[in-house]
N, C-alpha and C. Protein backbone atom coordinates (compact mmCIF):
# COMPACT_ATOMS: atom_id res chain seq x y z
N MET A 1 39.53 2.34 75.80
CA MET A 1 38.26 1.20 76.08
C MET A 1 37.40 2.38 76.42
N GLU A 2 36.00 2.38 75.66
CA GLU A 2 35.05 3.26 75.44
C GLU A 2 33.65 2.41 76.57
N GLU A 3 33.79 3.37 78.09
CA GLU A 3 32.50 3.01 79.36
C GLU A 3 31.56 2.73 78.23
N ILE A 4 30.79 1.84 78.50
CA ILE A 4 29.50 1.24 78.52
C ILE A 4 29.04 1.91 79.21
N ASP A 5 27.32 2.22 79.35
CA ASP A 5 26.28 2.64 80.05
C ASP A 5 24.95 2.24 79.35
N ASN A 6 24.24 1.26 79.08
CA ASN A 6 23.49 1.08 78.79
C ASN A 6 21.97 1.72 79.39
N THR A 7 22.50 2.33 80.21
CA THR A 7 20.92 3.26 81.29
C THR A 7 19.80 3.93 79.70
N LEU A 8 18.87 3.70 79.96
CA LEU A 8 17.86 4.12 78.60
C LEU A 8 18.30 5.40 79.30
N GLU A 9 18.11 6.17 78.03
CA GLU A 9 17.60 7.95 78.27
C GLU A 9 15.85 8.15 77.05
N ASP A 10 15.32 8.80 77.63
CA ASP A 10 13.88 9.35 77.12
C ASP A 10 14.62 10.01 76.32
N LYS A 11 14.46 9.68 74.32
CA LYS A 11 14.72 10.81 73.46
C LYS A 11 12.86 10.81 72.78
N GLY A 12 12.15 10.88 73.52
CA GLY A 12 10.83 11.23 72.84
C GLY A 12 9.72 9.98 72.75
N ALA A 13 9.81 9.41 71.73
CA ALA A 13 9.53 8.50 70.99
C ALA A 13 10.18 6.54 71.09
N TYR A 14 11.45 7.23 71.82
CA TYR A 14 12.10 6.46 72.17
C TYR A 14 13.03 5.80 73.30
N TYR A 15 13.86 5.10 73.72
CA TYR A 15 14.82 5.24 74.46
C TYR A 15 16.45 4.83 73.78
N GLU A 16 17.30 4.95 74.15
CA GLU A 16 18.50 5.18 73.87
C GLU A 16 19.53 4.98 74.91
N THR A 17 20.63 3.95 74.42
CA THR A 17 21.76 3.84 75.61
C THR A 17 22.36 5.30 75.60
N LYS A 18 22.91 4.91 76.93
CA LYS A 18 23.78 6.11 77.56
C LYS A 18 24.76 6.15 77.09
N ALA A 19 25.93 5.59 76.83
CA ALA A 19 26.99 5.27 76.52
C ALA A 19 27.56 4.25 75.75
N GLY A 20 28.35 3.47 75.27
CA GLY A 20 29.50 2.65 74.51
C GLY A 20 29.47 3.07 73.35
N LYS A 21 30.33 2.42 72.36
CA LYS A 21 30.80 2.43 71.02
C LYS A 21 29.50 2.59 70.03
N TYR A 22 29.11 1.09 70.25
CA TYR A 22 27.52 1.27 69.61
C TYR A 22 26.17 1.95 70.55
N LYS A 23 25.37 2.51 69.65
CA LYS A 23 24.56 3.10 70.21
C LYS A 23 23.11 2.08 70.02
N VAL A 24 22.13 1.81 71.01
CA VAL A 24 21.07 0.86 71.13
C VAL A 24 19.70 1.53 71.08
N ARG A 25 18.92 1.91 70.15
CA ARG A 25 17.68 2.62 70.49
C ARG A 25 16.72 1.51 70.44
N VAL A 26 15.19 1.77 71.44
CA VAL A 26 14.54 0.72 71.30
C VAL A 26 13.36 1.86 71.04
N ALA A 27 12.46 1.13 70.07
CA ALA A 27 10.90 2.30 70.02
C ALA A 27 9.94 1.83 71.18
N LYS A 28 9.47 2.99 71.92
CA LYS A 28 8.31 2.76 72.79
C LYS A 28 7.21 1.97 72.94
N ASP A 29 6.82 1.35 71.73
CA ASP A 29 5.85 0.43 71.28
C ASP A 29 6.10 -0.14 69.77
N THR A 30 5.52 -1.44 69.83
CA THR A 30 6.16 -2.04 68.80
C THR A 30 5.18 -1.48 67.40
N LYS A 31 4.15 -0.78 67.72
CA LYS A 31 3.63 0.26 66.45
C LYS A 31 5.09 1.19 66.06
N GLN A 32 5.65 1.83 67.01
CA GLN A 32 6.81 2.76 66.34
C GLN A 32 7.70 2.35 65.64
N ASP A 33 7.53 3.34 64.44
CA ASP A 33 8.51 2.85 62.97
C ASP A 33 9.70 2.72 63.98
N GLY A 34 10.58 1.43 63.19
CA GLY A 34 12.32 1.10 64.25
C GLY A 34 12.46 0.44 65.42
N THR A 35 11.45 -0.41 65.65
CA THR A 35 11.31 -1.37 67.11
C THR A 35 12.81 -1.17 67.98
N LEU A 36 13.91 -1.83 66.94
CA LEU A 36 14.75 -1.63 67.21
C LEU A 36 16.07 -1.26 66.05
N LYS A 37 17.72 -0.26 66.84
CA LYS A 37 18.23 -0.08 65.73
C LYS A 37 19.50 0.13 66.93
N TYR A 38 20.54 -0.31 66.41
CA TYR A 38 22.21 -0.87 66.70
C TYR A 38 23.26 -0.18 65.78
N SER A 39 23.92 1.13 65.95
CA SER A 39 24.48 1.63 65.73
C SER A 39 25.54 2.05 66.05
N ASP A 40 26.55 2.27 65.52
CA ASP A 40 28.00 3.22 65.47
C ASP A 40 28.37 4.43 64.79
N GLY A 41 27.64 5.25 63.93
CA GLY A 41 27.47 5.92 62.68
C GLY A 41 28.10 5.90 61.76
N GLU A 42 28.74 4.87 61.43
CA GLU A 42 29.14 4.14 59.69
C GLU A 42 28.04 2.95 59.57
N ILE A 43 27.81 2.20 60.58
CA ILE A 43 26.98 1.45 59.87
C ILE A 43 25.45 1.18 60.88
N SER A 44 24.17 0.75 60.50
CA SER A 44 23.17 0.85 61.51
C SER A 44 22.84 -0.52 60.66
N ILE A 45 22.10 -0.94 61.99
CA ILE A 45 20.96 -2.71 61.49
C ILE A 45 19.83 -2.30 62.36
N GLU A 46 18.92 -2.17 61.49
CA GLU A 46 17.03 -1.98 62.39
C GLU A 46 16.65 -2.61 61.77
N TRP A 47 15.66 -2.98 62.87
CA TRP A 47 14.42 -4.16 62.91
C TRP A 47 13.17 -3.39 62.96
N ASN A 48 12.04 -3.90 62.26
CA ASN A 48 11.12 -3.70 62.66
C ASN A 48 9.88 -5.02 62.96
N TYR A 49 9.42 -5.29 63.91
CA TYR A 49 8.29 -6.41 64.40
C TYR A 49 6.77 -6.19 63.03
N LEU A 50 6.73 -7.12 62.57
CA LEU A 50 5.56 -6.86 61.52
C LEU A 50 4.49 -7.48 61.85
N GLY A 51 4.47 -8.10 63.45
CA GLY A 51 2.96 -8.90 62.94
C GLY A 51 2.19 -8.17 64.63
N ALA A 52 2.89 -6.96 64.65
CA ALA A 52 2.23 -6.29 65.97
C ALA A 52 0.14 -5.97 65.61
N GLU A 53 0.52 -5.42 64.10
CA GLU A 53 -0.91 -5.51 64.10
C GLU A 53 -1.99 -4.23 64.30
N GLY A 54 -1.06 -2.85 64.91
CA GLY A 54 -1.66 -2.43 65.44
C GLY A 54 -1.89 -2.02 66.94
N ARG A 55 -0.70 -3.14 67.54
CA ARG A 55 -1.01 -3.34 68.84
C ARG A 55 -0.84 -2.23 69.33
N ASN A 56 -0.81 -1.37 70.49
CA ASN A 56 0.07 -0.54 71.28
C ASN A 56 0.61 -1.39 72.64
N SER A 57 1.85 -1.66 72.60
CA SER A 57 2.51 -2.36 73.77
C SER A 57 3.47 -1.47 74.23
N SER A 58 3.32 -2.08 75.86
CA SER A 58 4.32 -1.06 76.20
C SER A 58 5.56 -1.55 76.33
N VAL A 59 5.95 -0.78 76.88
CA VAL A 59 7.94 -1.17 77.11
C VAL A 59 8.50 -1.18 78.66
N GLN A 60 9.01 -1.98 79.16
CA GLN A 60 9.27 -2.07 80.60
C GLN A 60 10.55 -1.82 80.43
N GLU A 61 11.62 -1.10 81.57
CA GLU A 61 13.00 -0.98 81.83
C GLU A 61 13.26 -2.00 82.90
N ASP A 62 14.01 -3.21 82.56
CA ASP A 62 14.39 -3.45 84.35
C ASP A 62 16.44 -3.61 84.32
N ARG A 63 16.56 -2.09 85.04
CA ARG A 63 18.00 -2.70 84.67
C ARG A 63 19.29 -3.54 85.83
N GLU A 64 20.10 -4.32 85.64
CA GLU A 64 20.99 -5.25 86.40
C GLU A 64 22.16 -4.56 86.24
N TRP A 65 23.19 -3.86 87.56
CA TRP A 65 24.23 -3.65 87.63
C TRP A 65 25.26 -4.63 87.84
N HIS A 66 26.27 -5.01 87.23
CA HIS A 66 27.17 -6.00 87.05
C HIS A 66 28.81 -5.33 87.35
N THR A 67 29.21 -5.92 87.90
CA THR A 67 30.47 -5.32 88.65
C THR A 67 31.04 -3.76 88.47
N GLY A 68 29.71 -3.32 88.76
CA GLY A 68 30.07 -1.27 89.01
C GLY A 68 29.72 -0.84 87.64
N ALA A 69 29.54 -1.84 86.56
CA ALA A 69 29.35 -1.21 85.18
C ALA A 69 28.08 -1.33 85.01
N LYS A 70 27.58 -0.03 84.33
CA LYS A 70 26.33 -0.55 83.92
C LYS A 70 25.92 -1.12 82.93
N ALA A 71 25.98 -2.40 82.11
CA ALA A 71 26.50 -3.02 81.54
C ALA A 71 24.88 -3.81 80.41
N LEU A 72 23.91 -3.62 81.37
CA LEU A 72 23.00 -4.82 81.03
C LEU A 72 21.52 -3.87 81.50
N THR A 73 20.94 -3.90 80.27
CA THR A 73 19.54 -3.80 80.46
C THR A 73 18.42 -4.66 79.87
N ARG A 74 17.59 -4.56 80.17
CA ARG A 74 16.19 -5.55 79.57
C ARG A 74 15.10 -4.42 79.43
N VAL A 75 14.69 -4.63 78.17
CA VAL A 75 13.10 -4.24 77.79
C VAL A 75 11.96 -5.09 77.14
N VAL A 76 10.67 -5.19 77.65
CA VAL A 76 10.33 -5.87 77.61
C VAL A 76 8.95 -5.03 76.74
N TYR A 77 8.36 -6.22 75.64
CA TYR A 77 7.54 -5.31 74.77
C TYR A 77 5.99 -6.36 75.32
N GLY A 78 5.41 -5.94 76.16
CA GLY A 78 4.45 -7.13 76.79
C GLY A 78 3.27 -6.91 75.63
N GLU A 79 2.83 -8.51 75.60
CA GLU A 79 0.98 -8.53 74.50
C GLU A 79 1.63 -8.16 73.24
N ALA A 80 3.11 -7.81 72.40
CA ALA A 80 3.31 -7.55 71.27
C ALA A 80 2.81 -8.15 69.84
N GLU A 81 2.04 -9.29 70.46
CA GLU A 81 0.79 -9.84 70.02
C GLU A 81 0.05 -10.47 70.92
N PRO A 82 -1.65 -11.13 70.47
CA PRO A 82 -1.61 -12.20 71.73
C PRO A 82 -0.63 -13.36 71.82
N GLY A 83 -0.63 -13.53 73.43
CA GLY A 83 0.10 -14.72 74.32
C GLY A 83 1.82 -14.64 74.08
N THR A 84 2.17 -13.30 73.64
CA THR A 84 3.57 -13.25 72.99
C THR A 84 4.54 -11.61 73.30
N ASP A 85 5.11 -11.86 74.42
CA ASP A 85 6.18 -10.73 74.10
C ASP A 85 6.99 -10.90 73.86
N ILE A 86 7.68 -9.56 73.45
CA ILE A 86 8.94 -9.64 72.76
C ILE A 86 10.03 -8.83 73.37
N GLU A 87 11.35 -9.48 74.51
CA GLU A 87 12.29 -8.64 75.16
C GLU A 87 13.71 -8.73 74.77
N TYR A 88 14.26 -7.60 74.76
CA TYR A 88 15.59 -7.56 74.03
C TYR A 88 16.37 -6.83 75.43
N THR A 89 17.69 -7.60 75.60
CA THR A 89 18.71 -7.74 76.65
C THR A 89 19.55 -6.96 76.00
N ILE A 90 20.01 -5.90 76.64
CA ILE A 90 21.17 -5.17 75.81
C ILE A 90 22.57 -5.64 76.67
N ILE A 91 23.26 -5.96 76.09
CA ILE A 91 24.95 -7.08 77.35
C ILE A 91 26.02 -5.79 76.68
N GLY A 92 26.22 -5.00 77.29
CA GLY A 92 28.09 -4.64 76.65
C GLY A 92 27.25 -4.16 75.66
N GLU A 93 28.05 -4.76 74.22
CA GLU A 93 27.70 -4.03 73.09
C GLU A 93 26.81 -4.98 72.35
N ASP A 94 26.12 -5.92 73.08
CA ASP A 94 25.44 -6.87 72.23
C ASP A 94 24.04 -6.75 72.93
N VAL A 95 22.89 -7.12 71.38
CA VAL A 95 21.95 -7.52 71.77
C VAL A 95 21.41 -8.84 71.87
N LYS A 96 20.02 -9.17 72.92
CA LYS A 96 19.64 -10.73 73.05
C LYS A 96 18.60 -10.48 72.67
N GLU A 97 17.65 -11.20 71.54
CA GLU A 97 16.14 -10.96 71.85
C GLU A 97 15.70 -11.87 72.21
N ASN A 98 14.73 -12.31 73.06
CA ASN A 98 13.72 -12.60 73.63
C ASN A 98 12.59 -12.93 72.96
N ILE A 99 11.78 -14.08 72.51
CA ILE A 99 10.15 -13.82 71.77
C ILE A 99 9.76 -14.75 72.86
N ILE A 100 9.19 -14.23 74.04
CA ILE A 100 8.46 -15.25 74.81
C ILE A 100 6.73 -15.67 74.80
N VAL A 101 6.51 -16.97 74.57
CA VAL A 101 5.21 -17.36 74.18
C VAL A 101 4.33 -17.87 74.84
N ARG A 102 3.74 -17.66 75.63
CA ARG A 102 2.84 -18.10 76.21
C ARG A 102 1.17 -18.87 76.12
N GLU A 103 1.07 -19.09 75.04
CA GLU A 103 0.23 -19.76 74.65
C GLU A 103 0.58 -20.72 73.34
N LYS A 104 0.00 -22.03 73.33
CA LYS A 104 0.47 -22.82 72.29
C LYS A 104 -0.19 -22.54 70.90
N ARG A 105 0.64 -22.98 70.16
CA ARG A 105 -0.03 -22.36 68.86
C ARG A 105 0.26 -23.65 67.60
N GLU A 106 0.05 -23.96 66.57
CA GLU A 106 0.70 -25.36 65.43
C GLU A 106 1.91 -24.57 64.99
N GLU A 107 2.05 -22.97 64.83
CA GLU A 107 3.20 -22.68 64.38
C GLU A 107 3.28 -21.51 64.86
N TYR A 108 4.86 -21.19 64.61
CA TYR A 108 5.06 -19.52 65.31
C TYR A 108 5.68 -19.38 64.63
N ARG A 109 5.69 -18.20 63.85
CA ARG A 109 6.32 -17.26 63.05
C ARG A 109 6.28 -15.82 62.62
N TYR A 110 7.41 -15.39 63.12
CA TYR A 110 7.63 -13.54 63.74
C TYR A 110 8.44 -13.11 62.61
N GLN A 111 7.58 -12.27 61.67
CA GLN A 111 8.52 -11.53 60.77
C GLN A 111 8.76 -10.24 61.04
N PHE A 112 10.72 -9.69 60.74
CA PHE A 112 10.73 -8.55 60.70
C PHE A 112 11.75 -8.10 59.89
N GLU A 113 11.07 -6.66 59.54
CA GLU A 113 11.71 -6.26 58.12
C GLU A 113 13.29 -5.63 58.81
N LEU A 114 14.15 -5.70 57.77
CA LEU A 114 15.57 -5.00 58.07
C LEU A 114 15.34 -3.58 57.69
N ARG A 115 16.05 -2.90 58.08
CA ARG A 115 16.67 -1.24 57.71
C ARG A 115 18.24 -1.79 57.70
N LEU A 116 19.02 -1.63 56.69
CA LEU A 116 20.40 -1.69 57.17
C LEU A 116 21.31 0.03 56.54
N THR A 117 22.31 0.02 56.93
CA THR A 117 22.93 1.12 56.35
C THR A 117 24.62 0.65 56.63
N GLY A 118 25.34 0.25 54.99
CA GLY A 118 26.57 0.27 55.80
C GLY A 118 26.64 -1.19 55.82
N VAL A 119 25.60 -2.12 55.40
CA VAL A 119 26.19 -3.45 56.08
C VAL A 119 25.01 -4.03 55.28
N GLU A 120 25.34 -5.64 54.54
CA GLU A 120 24.56 -6.61 54.16
C GLU A 120 24.20 -8.06 54.56
N PRO A 121 22.87 -8.30 54.86
CA PRO A 121 23.09 -9.77 55.75
C PRO A 121 23.52 -10.67 54.58
N ARG A 122 23.60 -11.53 55.44
CA ARG A 122 23.90 -12.77 54.70
C ARG A 122 23.94 -14.12 55.90
N VAL A 123 23.27 -15.43 55.41
CA VAL A 123 22.63 -16.77 56.06
C VAL A 123 24.22 -16.88 55.86
N SER A 124 24.58 -17.59 57.54
CA SER A 124 25.88 -18.22 57.28
C SER A 124 25.93 -19.41 56.57
N GLU A 125 27.53 -20.31 56.77
CA GLU A 125 27.74 -20.98 55.99
C GLU A 125 26.96 -22.16 56.54
N ASP A 126 26.97 -22.07 57.61
CA ASP A 126 26.37 -23.44 58.21
C ASP A 126 24.71 -23.09 58.43
N GLY A 127 24.05 -22.27 58.03
CA GLY A 127 22.44 -22.07 57.81
C GLY A 127 21.90 -21.79 58.74
N MET A 128 22.55 -21.21 59.87
CA MET A 128 22.21 -20.96 61.51
C MET A 128 22.17 -19.84 61.48
N SER A 129 22.72 -19.06 61.15
CA SER A 129 22.96 -17.84 62.12
C SER A 129 22.98 -16.59 60.28
N ILE A 130 22.27 -14.77 61.13
CA ILE A 130 22.14 -14.05 59.74
C ILE A 130 23.61 -12.90 60.17
N GLU A 131 24.21 -12.94 59.14
CA GLU A 131 25.68 -12.09 59.35
C GLU A 131 25.47 -11.08 58.72
N PHE A 132 26.41 -10.15 59.00
CA PHE A 132 26.17 -8.26 58.45
C PHE A 132 27.61 -8.27 58.28
N TYR A 133 27.77 -7.96 57.13
CA TYR A 133 29.18 -7.72 56.36
C TYR A 133 28.67 -5.98 55.91
N LYS A 134 30.06 -5.34 55.74
CA LYS A 134 30.34 -4.23 55.50
C LYS A 134 30.56 -4.47 54.01
N ARG A 135 30.53 -3.97 53.08
CA ARG A 135 30.45 -4.07 51.30
C ARG A 135 31.93 -4.45 50.98
N GLU A 136 32.73 -3.87 51.84
CA GLU A 136 34.04 -4.68 51.17
C GLU A 136 34.57 -6.07 52.35
N GLY A 137 33.55 -6.46 52.56
CA GLY A 137 33.54 -7.77 53.04
C GLY A 137 33.77 -8.02 54.21
N GLU A 138 34.11 -7.04 55.17
CA GLU A 138 34.58 -7.21 56.35
C GLU A 138 33.45 -8.08 57.16
N LYS A 139 33.18 -8.76 57.92
CA LYS A 139 31.75 -9.56 59.13
C LYS A 139 31.61 -7.80 60.28
N VAL A 140 31.16 -7.87 61.16
CA VAL A 140 31.00 -6.50 61.68
C VAL A 140 29.43 -6.54 62.67
N ALA A 141 28.41 -7.75 62.48
CA ALA A 141 27.96 -8.42 63.11
C ALA A 141 27.18 -9.57 63.01
N GLN A 142 26.36 -10.25 64.22
CA GLN A 142 25.95 -11.50 63.52
C GLN A 142 24.45 -11.21 64.29
N MET A 143 23.52 -12.07 63.89
CA MET A 143 22.39 -12.81 64.95
C MET A 143 23.14 -13.77 64.90
N PRO A 144 23.33 -14.77 66.43
CA PRO A 144 23.59 -16.11 66.45
C PRO A 144 22.53 -17.21 66.15
N ALA A 145 22.46 -18.19 65.82
CA ALA A 145 21.86 -19.20 65.90
C ALA A 145 20.89 -19.04 66.54
N PRO A 146 19.63 -19.17 66.50
CA PRO A 146 18.10 -19.05 67.56
C PRO A 146 18.22 -20.43 68.21
N TYR A 147 17.28 -20.60 69.09
CA TYR A 147 17.00 -21.61 70.19
C TYR A 147 15.54 -21.23 70.91
N MET A 148 15.25 -22.32 71.59
CA MET A 148 14.33 -22.05 72.42
C MET A 148 13.89 -22.61 73.80
N TYR A 149 12.96 -22.45 74.61
CA TYR A 149 12.76 -23.14 75.87
C TYR A 149 11.64 -23.54 75.60
N ASP A 150 10.97 -24.90 75.86
CA ASP A 150 9.77 -25.27 75.91
C ASP A 150 9.12 -25.02 77.65
N ALA A 151 7.87 -24.95 77.90
CA ALA A 151 7.39 -25.00 79.32
C ALA A 151 8.36 -25.71 80.39
N CYS A 152 8.98 -26.33 80.02
CA CYS A 152 9.37 -27.60 81.32
C CYS A 152 11.45 -27.15 81.33
N GLY A 153 11.58 -26.10 80.64
CA GLY A 153 12.78 -25.48 80.50
C GLY A 153 13.68 -26.57 79.91
N GLU A 154 13.07 -27.52 78.94
CA GLU A 154 14.20 -28.17 78.32
C GLU A 154 14.89 -27.18 76.75
N ARG A 155 15.83 -27.22 76.19
CA ARG A 155 16.50 -26.18 75.03
C ARG A 155 15.85 -27.23 73.91
N SER A 156 16.08 -26.34 72.82
CA SER A 156 15.59 -27.26 71.95
C SER A 156 16.06 -26.19 70.49
N GLU A 157 16.98 -26.77 69.79
CA GLU A 157 17.07 -25.84 68.31
C GLU A 157 16.56 -26.09 66.91
N SER A 158 15.14 -26.46 67.64
CA SER A 158 13.86 -26.62 66.63
C SER A 158 13.56 -25.10 66.00
N VAL A 159 14.16 -24.50 65.83
CA VAL A 159 13.97 -22.95 65.53
C VAL A 159 15.34 -22.50 64.88
N TYR A 160 14.84 -21.60 63.43
CA TYR A 160 15.35 -21.54 62.20
C TYR A 160 14.87 -20.32 61.97
N TYR A 161 16.20 -19.15 61.37
CA TYR A 161 15.50 -17.94 60.44
C TYR A 161 15.52 -18.46 59.12
N GLU A 162 14.42 -17.19 58.42
CA GLU A 162 14.21 -17.54 56.95
C GLU A 162 14.99 -15.51 56.49
N LEU A 163 15.67 -15.39 55.55
CA LEU A 163 16.26 -14.22 55.15
C LEU A 163 15.52 -14.15 53.83
N GLU A 164 14.80 -13.12 53.41
CA GLU A 164 13.99 -12.95 52.48
C GLU A 164 14.94 -11.16 51.57
N GLU A 165 14.84 -11.37 50.64
CA GLU A 165 15.21 -10.08 49.57
C GLU A 165 14.15 -9.48 48.98
N ARG A 166 13.69 -8.93 48.99
CA ARG A 166 12.85 -8.57 48.23
C ARG A 166 13.25 -6.29 47.23
N GLU A 167 13.31 -6.67 46.20
CA GLU A 167 13.67 -5.03 45.41
C GLU A 167 14.52 -4.39 46.41
N GLY A 168 15.65 -5.12 46.95
CA GLY A 168 16.51 -4.29 47.74
C GLY A 168 16.49 -4.27 49.12
N LYS A 169 15.30 -4.55 49.69
CA LYS A 169 14.78 -5.05 50.70
C LYS A 169 14.82 -6.10 51.90
N TYR A 170 14.96 -6.35 52.63
CA TYR A 170 15.52 -7.45 53.30
C TYR A 170 14.02 -7.55 54.66
N ALA A 171 14.13 -8.85 54.66
CA ALA A 171 13.05 -9.14 55.93
C ALA A 171 13.63 -10.71 56.79
N PHE A 172 13.63 -10.91 57.92
CA PHE A 172 13.85 -12.29 58.18
C PHE A 172 12.14 -12.79 59.42
N THR A 173 12.54 -13.76 59.63
CA THR A 173 11.27 -14.39 59.73
C THR A 173 12.35 -15.49 61.03
N VAL A 174 11.67 -15.80 61.90
CA VAL A 174 12.25 -16.40 63.22
C VAL A 174 10.90 -17.53 63.02
N VAL A 175 11.57 -18.99 63.03
CA VAL A 175 10.32 -20.01 63.04
C VAL A 175 10.76 -20.82 63.58
N ALA A 176 9.57 -21.43 64.04
CA ALA A 176 9.67 -22.66 65.11
C ALA A 176 8.29 -23.78 65.12
């Protein structure tokens, strides 16, 4: 088993995890092309946040150490758009995205462009998650069903993904 070290190394415009089967690369700001990329050399799943409208958001790194392994790293894009932060937590070989909304709105829509190598996305049979399959049909990754917490800490599943394809390019939207 390959050691996992999610310590982020500075690679110029990006940070990249130090060791593990999967490499995770995060841009230093949301204006940078390729906000997040998850790859293993054979496949890659990359997404760009499309709502930043040119805002130059900063990245902060916060490491926690679990049982001696450097397995958890958190990256926050503060004010990715007004009143909203985007946080990525890299846990082992997984990435968890959190959209932190600090201001109430009528509608919440966050759109991301997907760039894929060696995989195609599909909405799961239950319509709740996005799954990524190799061309041979093997499922290799999944974006689990989204959920949210309100200001009182109550969990809600009144949030969903929209997946669209246009001219061979994909985008997904988180809607609440």
